[in-house]
Amino acid sequence: MRRLIATLAAGSDVHHATIERAVHFFSRSKLLRAARRGLRLGEFYVVYQPIFDVSTSACVGVEALVRWRNDTFGGVGPDHFIVHLERTSLIGPLTRFVLRQASIDIRQTPGVDHWHISVNICARHLASRVFVDDIRQAAGTMLNRTVLEITERSCAARTPQVTAALGTLKQAGVLLSLDDFGTGFSNLDLLDDFNFDLVKVDRRFLAADDENCPVFLKAVATLVHAMGAKVVAEGVETVEQHRAVQQSGIDLAQGYRYGMPMTIKQLREFASAETTQRQFVAAHQNGVPVVSENTAGAANERYRESAVGATRLLESGAEEVLDRITTCSARSRESASSMRSALPSTEPGACCANCWSRATFKDAPPAATTCLCRT
């Protein structure tokens, strides 16, 4: 297309910028036609990134993200096509598809009744008259576990229609999240005007690797908590970033440090591993009072690292993970009673709790004198 337009414009007074606009128009038209066809043929699908409670290291929800099986437009990632689709009437059907599919998938996943589903909402869809009905119909029985992520720019106009729509959904149990905080107006009045439940800090503040980052995060957390909302940090990828988030008083976090975007099959394996791990640790903590707060914290940290490791293996397509989890979980249950009787009942070391947290991913110690932390 570029070559054709350049050929037609050769020798004429057509400005280069005009040619570029024409190329952009034809490329965008081609993308929209492909997207309409993709929605009809089922080329779009949903992946899920876990969201963790920072204080407990427990998964409390997922963000539903759209992907596109299309060699031309889908292979380069959603940022390439979403920026164009969100300005068209196609964004409504696409958002309905994401929320409907996510609601079905999470509702049919065992052991995640406490998880919420976060979906991104664009300004055009938010301002449409069918927005409230779209959300209600797509979420179905999961409406009270739905979180709508809305950017500052999307609700900056504060029109009566937008205010009424969000108010109606809030009364129905939907949670509102102010997305990409810090990249727009950073207007805290929005928290009060729309009664946001969550504020998501943009990932670029963590990626900047600035020594002032913890100071900024702590200031944001203090202000948001004073407004009665919780703070979510996105883009947490390293141990240092995780510690900065922990020390800043941030409530929830997501990123590659905790879990990569997964298909529903991978998410269910991840959820099963997390449930088994937590049941195992809880059984020891509640059954025999031999774990202090410090050792329980150490076990929790080891658990989180194991869960992240399982997630990354699942993302890479390692099919043996499920068999590994199943086999080791059975071995853990069989060795639970023997471990309690073998371990000393008075003042055990932190290594014992650490061993428990690793038991589903490594053989249990054959005797009390053999510790996984020393092998």
Protein backbone atom coordinates (compact mmCIF):
# COMPACT_ATOMS: atom_id res chain seq x y z
CA MET A 1 0.00 0.00 0.00
CA ARG A 2 2.82 2.40 0.82
CA ARG A 3 4.48 1.63 -2.51
CA LEU A 4 1.23 2.20 -4.41
CA ILE A 5 0.54 5.57 -2.81
CA ALA A 6 4.14 6.66 -3.24
CA THR A 7 3.96 5.73 -6.93
CA LEU A 8 0.76 7.69 -7.44
CA ALA A 9 2.21 10.69 -5.65
CA ALA A 10 5.54 10.63 -7.49
CA GLY A 11 6.14 13.82 -9.38
CA SER A 12 3.17 15.57 -7.81
CA ASP A 13 2.90 18.17 -5.09
CA VAL A 14 1.30 15.75 -2.63
CA HIS A 15 2.88 16.34 0.75
CA HIS A 16 4.59 13.44 2.53
CA ALA A 17 2.34 13.86 5.59
CA THR A 18 -0.73 13.43 3.40
CA ILE A 19 0.67 10.17 2.08
CA GLU A 20 1.29 8.96 5.61
CA ARG A 21 -2.28 9.80 6.64
CA ALA A 22 -3.58 7.85 3.67
CA VAL A 23 -1.44 4.85 4.60
CA HIS A 24 -2.67 5.05 8.19
CA PHE A 25 -6.30 5.22 7.03
CA PHE A 26 -6.03 2.15 4.80
CA SER A 27 -4.08 0.20 7.46
CA ARG A 28 -6.67 1.05 10.11
CA SER A 29 -9.52 0.05 7.80
CA LYS A 30 -7.83 -3.27 7.17
CA LEU A 31 -7.41 -3.83 10.92
CA LEU A 32 -11.08 -3.08 11.62
CA ARG A 33 -12.26 -5.48 8.91
CA ALA A 34 -9.97 -8.17 10.33
CA ALA A 35 -11.24 -7.52 13.87
CA ARG A 36 -14.88 -7.85 12.83
CA ARG A 37 -14.07 -11.09 11.12
CA GLY A 38 -12.03 -12.23 14.12
CA LEU A 39 -14.94 -11.69 16.50
CA ARG A 40 -17.19 -13.78 14.26
CA LEU A 41 -14.65 -16.58 13.84
CA GLY A 42 -13.51 -16.78 17.47
CA GLU A 43 -9.95 -15.52 16.90
CA PHE A 44 -9.98 -13.48 20.12
CA TYR A 45 -9.34 -15.21 23.45
CA VAL A 46 -8.73 -14.27 27.08
CA VAL A 47 -5.68 -14.76 29.30
CA TYR A 48 -5.49 -14.08 33.02
CA GLN A 49 -2.84 -12.45 35.20
CA PRO A 50 -3.11 -13.16 38.95
CA ILE A 51 -3.48 -10.32 41.45
CA PHE A 52 -2.02 -10.96 44.90
CA ASP A 53 -2.66 -9.59 48.37
CA VAL A 54 0.74 -8.21 49.37
CA SER A 55 0.29 -8.84 53.10
CA THR A 56 -0.81 -12.48 52.83
CA SER A 57 0.72 -13.52 49.47
CA ALA A 58 -2.67 -14.98 48.55
CA CYS A 59 -4.16 -14.69 45.08
CA VAL A 60 -7.37 -12.64 45.33
CA GLY A 61 -8.26 -12.12 41.69
CA VAL A 62 -7.22 -11.89 38.07
CA GLU A 63 -7.08 -9.29 35.36
CA ALA A 64 -8.71 -10.50 32.14
CA LEU A 65 -6.61 -9.56 29.10
CA VAL A 66 -7.57 -10.00 25.45
CA ARG A 67 -5.35 -11.69 22.87
CA TRP A 68 -5.84 -12.15 19.12
CA ARG A 69 -4.87 -15.14 16.98
CA ASN A 70 -4.07 -13.15 13.87
CA ASP A 71 -0.78 -13.31 11.98
CA THR A 72 -0.99 -9.70 10.80
CA PHE A 73 -2.35 -7.81 13.82
CA GLY A 74 -2.38 -10.19 16.79
CA GLY A 75 1.24 -11.32 16.87
CA VAL A 76 2.68 -7.99 18.02
CA GLY A 77 0.57 -7.81 21.18
CA PRO A 78 -2.68 -6.13 22.25
CA ASP A 79 -1.19 -2.63 22.44
CA HIS A 80 -1.04 -2.59 18.66
CA PHE A 81 -4.72 -3.23 17.99
CA ILE A 82 -6.49 -2.05 21.14
CA VAL A 83 -5.44 1.57 20.60
CA HIS A 84 -7.34 1.51 17.30
CA LEU A 85 -10.32 -0.61 18.33
CA GLU A 86 -11.10 1.45 21.43
CA ARG A 87 -12.01 4.39 19.20
CA THR A 88 -14.60 2.42 17.24
CA SER A 89 -17.94 0.79 17.87
CA LEU A 90 -16.17 -2.60 17.98
CA ILE A 91 -14.87 -1.93 21.48
CA GLY A 92 -18.30 -2.63 23.00
CA PRO A 93 -18.65 -6.16 21.56
CA LEU A 94 -15.00 -6.88 22.36
CA THR A 95 -15.40 -5.81 26.00
CA ARG A 96 -18.58 -7.88 26.31
CA PHE A 97 -16.74 -10.90 24.95
CA VAL A 98 -13.83 -10.51 27.41
CA LEU A 99 -16.07 -10.07 30.46
CA ARG A 100 -18.48 -12.85 29.44
CA GLN A 101 -15.69 -15.35 28.79
CA ALA A 102 -13.86 -14.41 31.99
CA SER A 103 -17.04 -14.77 34.05
CA ILE A 104 -17.67 -18.24 32.64
CA ASP A 105 -14.07 -19.36 33.10
CA ILE A 106 -13.68 -18.17 36.70
CA ARG A 107 -17.13 -19.42 37.72
CA GLN A 108 -16.18 -22.90 36.49
CA THR A 109 -12.77 -22.90 38.23
CA PRO A 110 -12.78 -24.80 41.56
CA GLY A 111 -11.53 -23.18 44.76
CA VAL A 112 -11.56 -19.54 43.61
CA ASP A 113 -14.89 -18.34 44.96
CA HIS A 114 -13.13 -15.37 46.57
CA TRP A 115 -11.43 -14.17 43.36
CA HIS A 116 -12.55 -11.03 41.56
CA ILE A 117 -12.30 -10.33 37.81
CA SER A 118 -10.81 -7.07 36.55
CA VAL A 119 -11.54 -5.84 33.04
CA ASN A 120 -10.41 -2.68 31.25
CA ILE A 121 -13.01 -0.14 30.14
CA CYS A 122 -12.39 2.53 27.49
CA ALA A 123 -13.90 6.01 27.32
CA ARG A 124 -16.05 5.38 24.23
CA HIS A 125 -17.78 2.35 25.73
CA LEU A 126 -18.18 4.05 29.11
CA ALA A 127 -20.00 6.97 27.47
CA SER A 128 -22.37 4.78 25.44
CA ARG A 129 -26.01 4.34 26.44
CA VAL A 130 -25.74 0.55 26.45
CA PHE A 131 -22.75 0.43 28.78
CA VAL A 132 -24.62 -0.58 31.96
CA ASP A 133 -26.65 -3.27 30.16
CA ASP A 134 -23.49 -4.60 28.49
CA ILE A 135 -21.73 -5.05 31.83
CA ARG A 136 -24.74 -6.61 33.53
CA GLN A 137 -25.41 -9.10 30.75
CA ALA A 138 -21.76 -10.05 30.22
CA ALA A 139 -20.95 -10.51 33.93
CA GLY A 140 -24.15 -12.36 34.79
CA THR A 141 -23.96 -13.91 38.24
CA MET A 142 -20.36 -12.68 38.60
CA LEU A 143 -21.44 -9.03 38.65
CA ASN A 144 -20.63 -8.57 42.35
CA ARG A 145 -17.14 -9.96 41.72
CA THR A 146 -16.41 -7.68 38.77
CA VAL A 147 -13.89 -4.83 38.86
CA LEU A 148 -14.00 -2.19 36.13
CA GLU A 149 -10.62 -0.56 35.47
CA ILE A 150 -11.12 2.96 34.16
CA THR A 151 -8.36 5.43 33.30
CA GLU A 152 -8.31 9.00 34.58
CA ARG A 153 -8.79 10.32 31.07
CA SER A 154 -11.89 8.19 30.53
CA CYS A 155 -13.81 9.73 33.41
CA ALA A 156 -12.26 13.20 33.40
CA ALA A 157 -15.29 14.71 31.66
CA ARG A 158 -17.58 13.62 34.54
CA THR A 159 -20.70 13.83 32.41
CA PRO A 160 -24.04 13.08 34.08
CA GLN A 161 -24.40 9.95 31.94
CA VAL A 162 -21.02 8.55 33.03
CA THR A 163 -21.70 9.44 36.67
CA ALA A 164 -25.12 7.78 36.59
CA ALA A 165 -23.79 4.65 34.85
CA LEU A 166 -20.99 4.09 37.35
CA GLY A 167 -23.34 4.83 40.25
CA THR A 168 -25.81 2.23 39.01
CA LEU A 169 -23.13 -0.44 38.70
CA LYS A 170 -21.70 0.42 42.12
CA GLN A 171 -25.11 -0.17 43.68
CA ALA A 172 -25.19 -3.57 41.96
CA GLY A 173 -21.94 -4.58 43.69
CA VAL A 174 -19.41 -3.76 40.96
CA LEU A 175 -16.04 -2.41 42.17
CA LEU A 176 -14.36 0.51 40.40
CA SER A 177 -10.61 0.84 39.90
CA LEU A 178 -8.85 4.02 38.80
CA ASP A 179 -6.31 2.72 36.29
CA ASP A 180 -2.85 4.07 35.35
CA PHE A 181 -2.80 6.51 38.27
CA GLY A 182 0.06 8.96 37.97
CA THR A 183 0.11 9.16 34.17
CA GLY A 184 -2.78 11.55 33.70
CA PHE A 185 -4.18 14.27 35.93
CA SER A 186 -3.51 12.40 39.20
CA ASN A 187 -6.72 14.03 40.40
CA LEU A 188 -7.69 12.67 43.78
CA ASP A 189 -11.08 14.36 43.45
CA LEU A 190 -12.03 11.52 41.12
CA LEU A 191 -11.81 9.12 44.06
CA ASP A 192 -14.48 11.07 45.87
CA ASP A 193 -16.66 11.90 42.85
CA PHE A 194 -16.89 8.32 41.57
CA ASN A 195 -16.24 6.52 44.86
CA PHE A 196 -13.43 4.34 43.48
CA ASP A 197 -12.62 1.21 45.47
CA LEU A 198 -9.12 0.70 44.05
CA VAL A 199 -6.34 2.82 42.60
CA LYS A 200 -3.83 1.14 40.30
CA VAL A 201 -0.38 2.76 40.17
CA ASP A 202 1.12 2.74 36.69
CA ARG A 203 3.95 0.26 36.07
CA ARG A 204 6.39 2.90 34.87
CA PHE A 205 6.96 4.12 38.45
CA LEU A 206 8.33 0.71 39.43
CA ALA A 207 10.25 0.26 36.17
CA ALA A 208 12.02 3.60 36.60
CA ASP A 209 14.31 2.07 39.26
CA ASP A 210 14.44 5.45 41.00
CA GLU A 211 15.49 5.78 44.62
CA ASN A 212 12.44 8.02 45.12
CA CYS A 213 10.08 5.26 43.98
CA PRO A 214 9.38 3.89 47.50
CA VAL A 215 8.74 7.44 48.71
CA PHE A 216 6.24 8.04 45.91
CA LEU A 217 4.50 4.70 46.47
CA LYS A 218 4.19 5.30 50.19
CA ALA A 219 2.78 8.78 49.63
CA VAL A 220 0.21 7.45 47.16
CA ALA A 221 -0.75 4.62 49.53
CA THR A 222 -1.24 7.07 52.41
CA LEU A 223 -3.43 9.42 50.35
CA VAL A 224 -5.52 6.65 48.79
CA HIS A 225 -6.07 4.91 52.12
CA ALA A 226 -7.23 8.22 53.59
CA MET A 227 -9.85 8.34 50.82
CA GLY A 228 -11.07 4.86 51.78
CA ALA A 229 -9.68 2.97 48.78
CA LYS A 230 -6.98 0.34 48.28
CA VAL A 231 -3.83 0.56 46.15
CA VAL A 232 -2.77 -1.87 43.42
CA ALA A 233 0.76 -1.92 42.01
CA GLU A 234 1.22 -3.37 38.52
CA GLY A 235 4.39 -4.40 36.74
CA VAL A 236 6.14 -5.94 39.78
CA GLU A 237 8.87 -8.08 38.24
CA THR A 238 11.85 -8.23 40.63
CA VAL A 239 12.52 -9.01 44.28
CA GLU A 240 13.52 -5.38 44.85
CA GLN A 241 10.25 -4.11 43.41
CA HIS A 242 8.30 -6.58 45.54
CA ARG A 243 10.06 -5.34 48.67
CA ALA A 244 9.42 -1.71 47.72
CA VAL A 245 5.73 -2.50 47.32
CA GLN A 246 5.66 -4.33 50.65
CA GLN A 247 7.38 -1.51 52.51
CA SER A 248 5.13 1.14 50.95
CA GLY A 249 1.93 -0.23 52.45
CA ILE A 250 0.40 -1.12 49.08
CA ASP A 251 -2.48 -3.58 49.32
CA LEU A 252 -2.47 -5.57 46.06
CA ALA A 253 0.08 -6.26 43.33
CA GLN A 254 0.45 -8.00 39.99
CA GLY A 255 3.31 -8.63 37.61
CA TYR A 256 5.70 -11.32 36.41
CA ARG A 257 7.07 -11.61 39.95
CA TYR A 258 3.77 -13.17 41.00
CA GLY A 259 2.44 -14.70 37.79
CA MET A 260 2.49 -14.23 34.04
CA PRO A 261 -0.68 -14.00 31.92
CA MET A 262 -2.06 -17.55 31.57
CA THR A 263 -4.63 -19.42 29.57
CA ILE A 264 -7.58 -20.74 31.55
CA LYS A 265 -6.04 -24.23 31.59
CA GLN A 266 -2.81 -22.89 33.07
CA LEU A 267 -4.73 -20.71 35.52
CA ARG A 268 -6.66 -23.69 36.86
CA GLU A 269 -3.44 -25.63 37.39
CA PHE A 270 -2.00 -22.58 39.14
CA ALA A 271 -5.11 -22.26 41.34
CA SER A 272 -4.95 -25.96 42.22
CA ALA A 273 -1.30 -25.68 43.20
CA GLU A 274 -1.97 -22.63 45.35
CA THR A 275 -4.92 -24.25 47.10
CA THR A 276 -2.95 -27.44 47.84
CA GLN A 277 0.01 -25.45 49.11
CA ARG A 278 -2.04 -23.29 51.43
CA GLN A 279 -4.01 -26.23 52.79
CA PHE A 280 -0.77 -28.01 53.57
CA VAL A 281 0.75 -25.02 55.40
CA ALA A 282 -2.52 -24.27 57.21
CA ALA A 283 -2.81 -27.87 58.40
CA HIS A 284 0.55 -27.65 60.15
CA GLN A 285 -0.02 -24.18 61.54
CA ASN A 286 -3.44 -25.12 62.95
CA GLY A 287 -2.75 -28.74 63.88
CA VAL A 288 0.41 -28.33 65.98
CA PRO A 289 1.34 -24.92 67.44
CA VAL A 290 5.04 -25.13 66.62
CA VAL A 291 5.33 -22.30 64.07
CA SER A 292 6.06 -18.84 65.37
CA GLU A 293 5.08 -15.65 63.52
CA ASN A 294 8.60 -15.32 62.13
CA THR A 295 8.78 -18.87 60.82
CA ALA A 296 5.25 -18.63 59.43
CA GLY A 297 6.32 -15.52 57.55
CA ALA A 298 9.34 -17.36 56.19
CA ALA A 299 7.13 -20.23 55.09
CA ASN A 300 4.78 -17.79 53.39
CA GLU A 301 7.66 -16.23 51.46
CA ARG A 302 8.96 -19.63 50.38
CA TYR A 303 5.43 -20.57 49.33
CA ARG A 304 5.10 -17.50 47.15
CA GLU A 305 8.41 -18.22 45.43
CA SER A 306 7.31 -21.79 44.75
CA ALA A 307 4.01 -20.60 43.31
CA VAL A 308 5.80 -18.14 41.04
CA GLY A 309 8.10 -20.91 39.88
CA ALA A 310 5.13 -23.10 39.05
CA THR A 311 3.51 -20.23 37.16
CA ARG A 312 6.58 -19.63 35.02
CA LEU A 313 6.84 -23.30 34.19
CA LEU A 314 3.20 -23.35 33.21
CA GLU A 315 3.68 -20.30 31.01
CA SER A 316 6.53 -22.01 29.19
CA GLY A 317 4.27 -24.98 28.49
CA ALA A 318 5.81 -27.53 30.84
CA GLU A 319 3.21 -30.28 30.92
CA GLU A 320 4.96 -32.17 33.69
CA VAL A 321 4.07 -29.53 36.27
CA LEU A 322 0.59 -30.89 36.91
CA ASP A 323 1.89 -34.43 37.44
CA ARG A 324 4.60 -33.05 39.69
CA ILE A 325 2.12 -31.13 41.80
CA THR A 326 -0.27 -34.08 42.06
CA THR A 327 2.45 -36.59 43.01
CA CYS A 328 4.20 -34.34 45.50
CA SER A 329 0.94 -33.17 47.08
CA ALA A 330 0.00 -36.80 47.77
CA ARG A 331 3.45 -37.43 49.23
CA SER A 332 3.05 -34.32 51.41
CA ARG A 333 -0.26 -35.51 52.84
CA GLU A 334 1.16 -38.96 53.59
CA SER A 335 4.15 -37.48 55.40
CA ALA A 336 2.23 -34.80 57.33
CA SER A 337 1.56 -36.85 60.47
CA SER A 338 5.07 -38.33 60.55
CA MET A 339 6.62 -34.88 60.19
CA ARG A 340 4.63 -33.54 63.13
CA SER A 341 5.71 -36.40 65.36
CA ALA A 342 9.33 -36.29 64.21
CA LEU A 343 9.80 -32.55 64.65
CA PRO A 344 10.53 -31.35 68.20
CA SER A 345 7.53 -29.79 69.89
CA THR A 346 9.59 -27.10 71.61
CA GLU A 347 11.11 -24.18 69.79
CA PRO A 348 11.91 -25.63 66.33
CA GLY A 349 14.10 -23.69 63.96
CA ALA A 350 12.79 -21.54 61.09
CA CYS A 351 14.11 -24.16 58.70
CA CYS A 352 11.30 -26.52 59.71
CA ALA A 353 8.62 -24.09 58.54
CA ASN A 354 10.59 -23.45 55.39
CA CYS A 355 10.72 -27.16 54.71
CA TRP A 356 6.98 -27.43 55.08
CA SER A 357 6.45 -24.67 52.55
CA ARG A 358 8.66 -26.49 50.06
CA ALA A 359 7.26 -29.95 50.65
CA THR A 360 4.94 -29.90 47.66
CA PHE A 361 7.86 -29.24 45.33
CA LYS A 362 10.54 -31.43 46.95
CA ASP A 363 10.68 -34.71 48.82
CA ALA A 364 9.89 -34.46 52.53
CA PRO A 365 12.83 -35.07 54.91
CA PRO A 366 13.12 -38.69 56.04
CA ALA A 367 13.96 -37.72 59.61
CA ALA A 368 14.00 -34.70 61.91
CA THR A 369 17.79 -34.49 61.66
CA THR A 370 17.64 -34.06 57.88
CA CYS A 371 16.43 -30.62 56.83
CA LEU A 372 15.61 -29.45 53.33
CA CYS A 373 17.19 -26.09 54.09
CA ARG A 374 20.54 -27.80 54.56
CA THR A 375 20.41 -29.95 51.44
